[in-house]
Amino acid sequence: MKKRKLKNKKNISRDNARKKTNKVIIFLVTIIIIPCIISYIFFYLQKKDDQGGYLLEGSLERKPVDPEERFTVQLGQFVIMASYNDLVNGINLRKWVNIGYDYPINIKIDNGNLLVTASFNDKSGKLIAQIVDNNWTINKDNYCDRNFSTNALEVVDANKVPLLQVDIKTGNNIFIGGVFYFPNIRLFMSSSDSTLTGDPTFDDEIALKKIKRIFKYPSTQYLGVKDIGI
């Protein structure tokens, strides 16, 4: 009888040990493995569309705006400090950085969240991409590569030079860069330099090379991977 009791105690101890091990495994799967799988699936699904081509539409995350803090727009090298009321009415960037034209960008607040609407064209006036209330679409006939994450979008040319950049860092901080074409003038905006020129002989490549990339390329290999911290 004593031997049986000892065996039973050993079996109970083994069962308890197995249960503890199983709990640890379930815990690790829940907090580590499952989130990794979900993240991988999320990016993989965004990488390809139903026809197997590059996905050319998506959405930027709607981030809440803190009404107690100042709102910051980094327009190239220019830093604009706006108020919550400015956001409610929609920020007019020309009010702070006037180049004689309205910017094709609207930044506003809706239900407490930051929304961006913008359009980006090439020098011939052909659409490259547009964003409407954080929902972006890229012209499949007028781009070389694009990369994105839940809070940023970037389109580059054949030389991997950024033509447009939108990076919503927080609900109170956004960066906008790239190239803007207006009648007879061009505006090149990077985080460290902004160049405005109407000189037809100006070498655009000089200004373009100053625009630092947000993401690594090609996007097929580095989807969502940041290159620098703008």
C-alpha atoms as a PDB file:
ATOM      1  CA  MET A   1       0.000   0.000   0.000  1.00  0.00           C
ATOM      2  CA  LYS A   2       2.815   2.381   0.864  1.00  0.00           C
ATOM      3  CA  LYS A   3       4.495   1.736  -2.478  1.00  0.00           C
ATOM      4  CA  ARG A   4       1.245   2.515  -4.304  1.00  0.00           C
ATOM      5  CA  LYS A   5       0.833   5.763  -2.348  1.00  0.00           C
ATOM      6  CA  LEU A   6       4.401   6.758  -3.233  1.00  0.00           C
ATOM      7  CA  LYS A   7       3.747   6.026  -6.897  1.00  0.00           C
ATOM      8  CA  ASN A   8       0.543   8.029  -6.792  1.00  0.00           C
ATOM      9  CA  LYS A   9       2.355  10.972  -5.224  1.00  0.00           C
ATOM     10  CA  LYS A  10       5.034  10.785  -7.926  1.00  0.00           C
ATOM     11  CA  ASN A  11       2.379  10.680 -10.639  1.00  0.00           C
ATOM     12  CA  ILE A  12       0.600  13.684  -9.102  1.00  0.00           C
ATOM     13  CA  SER A  13       3.893  15.597  -8.963  1.00  0.00           C
ATOM     14  CA  ARG A  14       4.581  14.787 -12.608  1.00  0.00           C
ATOM     15  CA  ASP A  15       1.065  15.873 -13.593  1.00  0.00           C
ATOM     16  CA  ASN A  16       1.489  19.153 -11.717  1.00  0.00           C
ATOM     17  CA  ALA A  17       4.854  19.731 -13.388  1.00  0.00           C
ATOM     18  CA  ARG A  18       3.313  19.068 -16.811  1.00  0.00           C
ATOM     19  CA  LYS A  19       0.449  21.469 -16.081  1.00  0.00           C
ATOM     20  CA  LYS A  20       2.892  24.202 -15.039  1.00  0.00           C
ATOM     21  CA  THR A  21       4.963  23.611 -18.186  1.00  0.00           C
ATOM     22  CA  ASN A  22       1.852  23.735 -20.358  1.00  0.00           C
ATOM     23  CA  LYS A  23       0.805  27.009 -18.710  1.00  0.00           C
ATOM     24  CA  VAL A  24       4.221  28.524 -19.408  1.00  0.00           C
ATOM     25  CA  ILE A  25       4.062  27.403 -23.045  1.00  0.00           C
ATOM     26  CA  ILE A  26       0.542  28.804 -23.472  1.00  0.00           C
ATOM     27  CA  PHE A  27       1.662  32.078 -21.880  1.00  0.00           C
ATOM     28  CA  LEU A  28       4.663  32.391 -24.214  1.00  0.00           C
ATOM     29  CA  VAL A  29       2.552  31.560 -27.266  1.00  0.00           C
ATOM     30  CA  THR A  30      -0.049  34.144 -26.252  1.00  0.00           C
ATOM     31  CA  ILE A  31       2.292  37.082 -25.625  1.00  0.00           C
ATOM     32  CA  ILE A  32       5.086  36.393 -28.130  1.00  0.00           C
ATOM     33  CA  ILE A  33       4.326  33.986 -30.934  1.00  0.00           C
ATOM     34  CA  ILE A  34       0.722  34.950 -31.763  1.00  0.00           C
ATOM     35  CA  PRO A  35       1.435  38.722 -32.001  1.00  0.00           C
ATOM     36  CA  CYS A  36       4.425  37.960 -34.269  1.00  0.00           C
ATOM     37  CA  ILE A  37       2.259  35.808 -36.523  1.00  0.00           C
ATOM     38  CA  ILE A  38      -0.451  38.487 -36.675  1.00  0.00           C
ATOM     39  CA  SER A  39       2.130  41.183 -37.538  1.00  0.00           C
ATOM     40  CA  TYR A  40       3.624  39.000 -40.265  1.00  0.00           C
ATOM     41  CA  ILE A  41       0.221  38.261 -41.787  1.00  0.00           C
ATOM     42  CA  PHE A  42      -0.698  41.972 -41.646  1.00  0.00           C
ATOM     43  CA  PHE A  43       2.381  43.057 -43.599  1.00  0.00           C
ATOM     44  CA  TYR A  44       2.224  40.112 -46.002  1.00  0.00           C
ATOM     45  CA  LEU A  45      -1.373  40.870 -46.908  1.00  0.00           C
ATOM     46  CA  GLN A  46      -0.507  44.521 -47.491  1.00  0.00           C
ATOM     47  CA  LYS A  47       2.464  43.553 -49.634  1.00  0.00           C
ATOM     48  CA  LYS A  48       0.429  41.906 -52.373  1.00  0.00           C
ATOM     49  CA  ASP A  49      -3.021  42.513 -53.759  1.00  0.00           C
ATOM     50  CA  ASP A  50      -5.440  39.856 -55.006  1.00  0.00           C
ATOM     51  CA  GLN A  51      -3.705  39.734 -58.397  1.00  0.00           C
ATOM     52  CA  GLY A  52      -0.272  39.298 -56.858  1.00  0.00           C
ATOM     53  CA  GLY A  53       0.888  42.838 -57.634  1.00  0.00           C
ATOM     54  CA  TYR A  54       2.079  45.511 -55.247  1.00  0.00           C
ATOM     55  CA  LEU A  55      -0.670  46.922 -53.085  1.00  0.00           C
ATOM     56  CA  LEU A  56      -1.214  50.543 -54.066  1.00  0.00           C
ATOM     57  CA  GLU A  57      -3.748  51.581 -51.464  1.00  0.00           C
ATOM     58  CA  GLY A  58      -3.997  51.539 -47.708  1.00  0.00           C
ATOM     59  CA  SER A  59      -4.633  53.653 -44.621  1.00  0.00           C
ATOM     60  CA  LEU A  60      -2.620  55.619 -42.113  1.00  0.00           C
ATOM     61  CA  GLU A  61      -3.572  55.059 -38.492  1.00  0.00           C
ATOM     62  CA  ARG A  62      -5.938  57.610 -36.972  1.00  0.00           C
ATOM     63  CA  LYS A  63      -4.097  58.906 -33.935  1.00  0.00           C
ATOM     64  CA  PRO A  64      -5.799  60.885 -31.159  1.00  0.00           C
ATOM     65  CA  VAL A  65      -4.823  64.543 -30.741  1.00  0.00           C
ATOM     66  CA  ASP A  66      -4.079  65.861 -27.260  1.00  0.00           C
ATOM     67  CA  PRO A  67      -5.920  69.205 -27.026  1.00  0.00           C
ATOM     68  CA  GLU A  68      -3.682  70.282 -24.139  1.00  0.00           C
ATOM     69  CA  GLU A  69      -0.515  70.139 -26.254  1.00  0.00           C
ATOM     70  CA  ARG A  70       0.651  72.237 -29.188  1.00  0.00           C
ATOM     71  CA  PHE A  71       0.377  70.616 -32.616  1.00  0.00           C
ATOM     72  CA  THR A  72       3.571  70.456 -34.682  1.00  0.00           C
ATOM     73  CA  VAL A  73       3.841  70.194 -38.462  1.00  0.00           C
ATOM     74  CA  GLN A  74       7.337  69.685 -39.837  1.00  0.00           C
ATOM     75  CA  LEU A  75       7.055  70.885 -43.426  1.00  0.00           C
ATOM     76  CA  GLY A  76      10.483  69.982 -44.718  1.00  0.00           C
ATOM     77  CA  GLN A  77      12.881  71.909 -42.507  1.00  0.00           C
ATOM     78  CA  PHE A  78      10.180  74.348 -41.384  1.00  0.00           C
ATOM     79  CA  VAL A  79       8.548  73.626 -38.017  1.00  0.00           C
ATOM     80  CA  ILE A  80       5.000  74.954 -37.660  1.00  0.00           C
ATOM     81  CA  MET A  81       3.423  75.256 -34.226  1.00  0.00           C
ATOM     82  CA  ALA A  82      -0.369  75.246 -34.421  1.00  0.00           C
ATOM     83  CA  SER A  83      -3.174  75.213 -31.886  1.00  0.00           C
ATOM     84  CA  TYR A  84      -6.033  72.796 -31.396  1.00  0.00           C
ATOM     85  CA  ASN A  85      -8.396  75.398 -32.875  1.00  0.00           C
ATOM     86  CA  ASP A  86      -6.221  75.584 -35.990  1.00  0.00           C
ATOM     87  CA  LEU A  87      -6.735  71.845 -36.407  1.00  0.00           C
ATOM     88  CA  VAL A  88     -10.478  72.083 -35.897  1.00  0.00           C
ATOM     89  CA  ASN A  89     -10.704  74.615 -38.742  1.00  0.00           C
ATOM     90  CA  GLY A  90      -8.146  72.789 -40.902  1.00  0.00           C
ATOM     91  CA  ILE A  91      -4.537  74.004 -41.014  1.00  0.00           C
ATOM     92  CA  ASN A  92      -3.656  76.358 -43.876  1.00  0.00           C
ATOM     93  CA  LEU A  93       0.099  75.799 -44.289  1.00  0.00           C
ATOM     94  CA  ARG A  94       0.401  78.896 -46.471  1.00  0.00           C
ATOM     95  CA  LYS A  95      -0.310  80.962 -43.373  1.00  0.00           C
ATOM     96  CA  TRP A  96       3.072  79.903 -41.949  1.00  0.00           C
ATOM     97  CA  VAL A  97       5.192  79.176 -45.049  1.00  0.00           C
ATOM     98  CA  ASN A  98       3.977  81.385 -47.898  1.00  0.00           C
ATOM     99  CA  ILE A  99       5.394  80.621 -51.339  1.00  0.00           C
ATOM    100  CA  GLY A 100       2.576  82.329 -53.214  1.00  0.00           C
ATOM    101  CA  TYR A 101       0.467  79.203 -53.646  1.00  0.00           C
ATOM    102  CA  ASP A 102      -1.749  77.020 -51.484  1.00  0.00           C
ATOM    103  CA  TYR A 103      -0.274  73.667 -50.547  1.00  0.00           C
ATOM    104  CA  PRO A 104      -2.192  70.589 -51.735  1.00  0.00           C
ATOM    105  CA  ILE A 105      -2.376  69.439 -48.121  1.00  0.00           C
ATOM    106  CA  ASN A 106      -5.112  69.650 -45.522  1.00  0.00           C
ATOM    107  CA  ILE A 107      -4.574  68.666 -41.908  1.00  0.00           C
ATOM    108  CA  LYS A 108      -7.532  68.595 -39.562  1.00  0.00           C
ATOM    109  CA  ILE A 109      -9.099  66.897 -36.570  1.00  0.00           C
ATOM    110  CA  ASP A 110     -12.202  64.740 -36.670  1.00  0.00           C
ATOM    111  CA  ASN A 111     -13.737  63.085 -33.601  1.00  0.00           C
ATOM    112  CA  GLY A 112     -10.504  63.796 -31.760  1.00  0.00           C
ATOM    113  CA  ASN A 113      -8.300  62.075 -34.369  1.00  0.00           C
ATOM    114  CA  LEU A 114      -5.766  63.511 -36.796  1.00  0.00           C
ATOM    115  CA  LEU A 115      -6.733  63.353 -40.496  1.00  0.00           C
ATOM    116  CA  VAL A 116      -4.567  64.184 -43.500  1.00  0.00           C
ATOM    117  CA  THR A 117      -5.687  64.875 -47.054  1.00  0.00           C
ATOM    118  CA  ALA A 118      -3.072  65.568 -49.728  1.00  0.00           C
ATOM    119  CA  SER A 119      -2.238  65.116 -53.404  1.00  0.00           C
ATOM    120  CA  PHE A 120       1.185  64.792 -54.998  1.00  0.00           C
ATOM    121  CA  ASN A 121       1.861  65.336 -58.718  1.00  0.00           C
ATOM    122  CA  ASP A 122       4.971  65.034 -60.875  1.00  0.00           C
ATOM    123  CA  LYS A 123       6.445  67.917 -62.883  1.00  0.00           C
ATOM    124  CA  SER A 124       4.069  67.212 -65.777  1.00  0.00           C
ATOM    125  CA  GLY A 125       1.063  67.494 -63.462  1.00  0.00           C
ATOM    126  CA  LYS A 126       0.330  63.764 -63.495  1.00  0.00           C
ATOM    127  CA  LEU A 127      -0.873  62.338 -60.189  1.00  0.00           C
ATOM    128  CA  ILE A 128       1.624  60.254 -58.203  1.00  0.00           C
ATOM    129  CA  ALA A 129      -0.498  59.604 -55.129  1.00  0.00           C
ATOM    130  CA  GLN A 130      -3.278  61.048 -53.045  1.00  0.00           C
ATOM    131  CA  ILE A 131      -4.410  60.772 -49.456  1.00  0.00           C
ATOM    132  CA  VAL A 132      -8.016  61.391 -48.422  1.00  0.00           C
ATOM    133  CA  ASP A 133      -8.693  61.387 -44.668  1.00  0.00           C
ATOM    134  CA  ASN A 134      -5.684  59.096 -44.092  1.00  0.00           C
ATOM    135  CA  ASN A 135      -6.699  56.672 -46.870  1.00  0.00           C
ATOM    136  CA  TRP A 136      -3.982  56.612 -49.532  1.00  0.00           C
ATOM    137  CA  THR A 137      -3.952  55.536 -53.167  1.00  0.00           C
ATOM    138  CA  ILE A 138      -0.972  55.418 -55.532  1.00  0.00           C
ATOM    139  CA  ASN A 139      -1.214  55.841 -59.300  1.00  0.00           C
ATOM    140  CA  LYS A 140      -0.132  52.454 -60.675  1.00  0.00           C
ATOM    141  CA  ASP A 141       1.102  54.112 -63.883  1.00  0.00           C
ATOM    142  CA  ASN A 142       3.278  56.745 -62.225  1.00  0.00           C
ATOM    143  CA  TYR A 143       5.512  55.335 -59.505  1.00  0.00           C
ATOM    144  CA  CYS A 144       8.673  53.263 -59.127  1.00  0.00           C
ATOM    145  CA  ASP A 145       8.457  51.931 -55.581  1.00  0.00           C
ATOM    146  CA  ARG A 146       6.610  52.732 -52.390  1.00  0.00           C
ATOM    147  CA  ASN A 147       6.943  51.758 -48.771  1.00  0.00           C
ATOM    148  CA  PHE A 148       4.660  52.245 -45.819  1.00  0.00           C
ATOM    149  CA  SER A 149       3.759  51.405 -42.263  1.00  0.00           C
ATOM    150  CA  THR A 150       0.698  52.058 -40.136  1.00  0.00           C
ATOM    151  CA  ASN A 151       1.752  55.703 -39.669  1.00  0.00           C
ATOM    152  CA  ALA A 152       3.903  56.619 -42.714  1.00  0.00           C
ATOM    153  CA  LEU A 153       3.836  56.579 -46.520  1.00  0.00           C
ATOM    154  CA  GLU A 154       6.654  57.213 -48.991  1.00  0.00           C
ATOM    155  CA  VAL A 155       6.961  56.997 -52.797  1.00  0.00           C
ATOM    156  CA  VAL A 156      10.370  57.047 -54.513  1.00  0.00           C
ATOM    157  CA  ASP A 157      11.576  57.407 -58.102  1.00  0.00           C
ATOM    158  CA  ALA A 158      13.865  55.055 -60.043  1.00  0.00           C
ATOM    159  CA  ASN A 159      16.877  56.428 -58.150  1.00  0.00           C
ATOM    160  CA  LYS A 160      15.160  55.776 -54.791  1.00  0.00           C
ATOM    161  CA  VAL A 161      14.753  59.537 -54.263  1.00  0.00           C
ATOM    162  CA  PRO A 162      11.595  60.323 -52.235  1.00  0.00           C
ATOM    163  CA  LEU A 163       8.940  62.221 -54.178  1.00  0.00           C
ATOM    164  CA  LEU A 164       6.459  62.271 -51.310  1.00  0.00           C
ATOM    165  CA  GLN A 165       6.667  61.601 -47.590  1.00  0.00           C
ATOM    166  CA  VAL A 166       4.025  61.661 -44.869  1.00  0.00           C
ATOM    167  CA  ASP A 167       4.973  60.466 -41.395  1.00  0.00           C
ATOM    168  CA  ILE A 168       2.419  60.779 -38.576  1.00  0.00           C
ATOM    169  CA  LYS A 169       4.711  60.423 -35.574  1.00  0.00           C
ATOM    170  CA  THR A 170       2.017  61.089 -32.955  1.00  0.00           C
ATOM    171  CA  GLY A 171      -1.413  62.660 -32.893  1.00  0.00           C
ATOM    172  CA  ASN A 172       0.351  65.984 -32.276  1.00  0.00           C
ATOM    173  CA  ASN A 173       3.337  65.651 -34.609  1.00  0.00           C
ATOM    174  CA  ILE A 174       3.477  65.091 -38.365  1.00  0.00           C
ATOM    175  CA  PHE A 175       6.284  65.318 -40.953  1.00  0.00           C
ATOM    176  CA  ILE A 176       5.691  66.146 -44.638  1.00  0.00           C
ATOM    177  CA  GLY A 177       8.452  66.069 -47.238  1.00  0.00           C
ATOM    178  CA  GLY A 178       9.190  65.408 -50.887  1.00  0.00           C
ATOM    179  CA  VAL A 179       8.724  67.525 -54.013  1.00  0.00           C
ATOM    180  CA  PHE A 180       5.914  69.960 -54.746  1.00  0.00           C
ATOM    181  CA  TYR A 181       5.398  71.363 -58.242  1.00  0.00           C
ATOM    182  CA  PHE A 182       3.619  74.678 -58.649  1.00  0.00           C
ATOM    183  CA  PRO A 183       3.237  76.865 -61.756  1.00  0.00           C
ATOM    184  CA  ASN A 184       6.791  77.887 -62.713  1.00  0.00           C
ATOM    185  CA  ILE A 185       8.353  76.889 -59.354  1.00  0.00           C
ATOM    186  CA  ARG A 186       9.457  73.732 -57.569  1.00  0.00           C
ATOM    187  CA  LEU A 187       9.737  73.127 -53.838  1.00  0.00           C
ATOM    188  CA  PHE A 188      12.052  70.405 -52.537  1.00  0.00           C
ATOM    189  CA  MET A 189      11.585  69.560 -48.860  1.00  0.00           C
ATOM    190  CA  SER A 190      13.767  67.401 -46.641  1.00  0.00           C
ATOM    191  CA  SER A 191      14.093  67.284 -42.874  1.00  0.00           C
ATOM    192  CA  SER A 192      17.277  69.375 -43.006  1.00  0.00           C
ATOM    193  CA  ASP A 193      16.844  71.571 -46.074  1.00  0.00           C
ATOM    194  CA  SER A 194      14.167  73.182 -48.246  1.00  0.00           C
ATOM    195  CA  THR A 195      14.830  74.568 -51.711  1.00  0.00           C
ATOM    196  CA  LEU A 196      12.438  76.746 -53.696  1.00  0.00           C
ATOM    197  CA  THR A 197      13.359  77.565 -57.285  1.00  0.00           C
ATOM    198  CA  GLY A 198      11.815  78.875 -60.461  1.00  0.00           C
ATOM    199  CA  ASP A 199      15.061  78.678 -62.417  1.00  0.00           C
ATOM    200  CA  PRO A 200      14.599  76.292 -65.368  1.00  0.00           C
ATOM    201  CA  THR A 201      18.381  75.736 -65.464  1.00  0.00           C
ATOM    202  CA  PHE A 202      18.518  74.667 -61.812  1.00  0.00           C
ATOM    203  CA  ASP A 203      19.819  71.120 -61.372  1.00  0.00           C
ATOM    204  CA  ASP A 204      16.968  69.338 -59.599  1.00  0.00           C
ATOM    205  CA  GLU A 205      19.241  66.429 -58.723  1.00  0.00           C
ATOM    206  CA  ILE A 206      21.165  68.609 -56.264  1.00  0.00           C
ATOM    207  CA  ALA A 207      18.022  69.273 -54.225  1.00  0.00           C
ATOM    208  CA  LEU A 208      16.587  65.792 -54.656  1.00  0.00           C
ATOM    209  CA  LYS A 209      19.684  64.144 -53.186  1.00  0.00           C
ATOM    210  CA  LYS A 210      19.165  66.109 -49.969  1.00  0.00           C
ATOM    211  CA  ILE A 211      15.809  64.415 -49.330  1.00  0.00           C
ATOM    212  CA  LYS A 212      16.504  61.540 -46.954  1.00  0.00           C
ATOM    213  CA  ARG A 213      14.444  58.381 -47.178  1.00  0.00           C
ATOM    214  CA  ILE A 214      12.107  57.277 -44.400  1.00  0.00           C
ATOM    215  CA  PHE A 215      12.170  53.603 -45.427  1.00  0.00           C
ATOM    216  CA  LYS A 216      14.619  51.055 -46.777  1.00  0.00           C
ATOM    217  CA  TYR A 217      14.253  49.685 -50.323  1.00  0.00           C
ATOM    218  CA  PRO A 218      13.284  47.648 -52.222  1.00  0.00           C
ATOM    219  CA  SER A 219       9.977  47.404 -50.408  1.00  0.00           C
ATOM    220  CA  THR A 220       9.645  43.745 -51.411  1.00  0.00           C
ATOM    221  CA  GLN A 221      12.539  43.066 -49.067  1.00  0.00           C
ATOM    222  CA  TYR A 222      12.079  45.830 -46.466  1.00  0.00           C
ATOM    223  CA  LEU A 223       8.346  46.412 -46.229  1.00  0.00           C
ATOM    224  CA  GLY A 224       7.669  48.803 -43.344  1.00  0.00           C
ATOM    225  CA  VAL A 225      11.338  48.951 -42.262  1.00  0.00           C
ATOM    226  CA  LYS A 226      12.482  52.479 -41.385  1.00  0.00           C
ATOM    227  CA  ASP A 227      15.771  53.739 -42.830  1.00  0.00           C
ATOM    228  CA  ILE A 228      16.275  56.866 -40.741  1.00  0.00           C
ATOM    229  CA  GLY A 229      14.498  58.731 -38.006  1.00  0.00           C
ATOM    230  CA  ILE A 230      13.146  61.868 -39.669  1.00  0.00           C
END
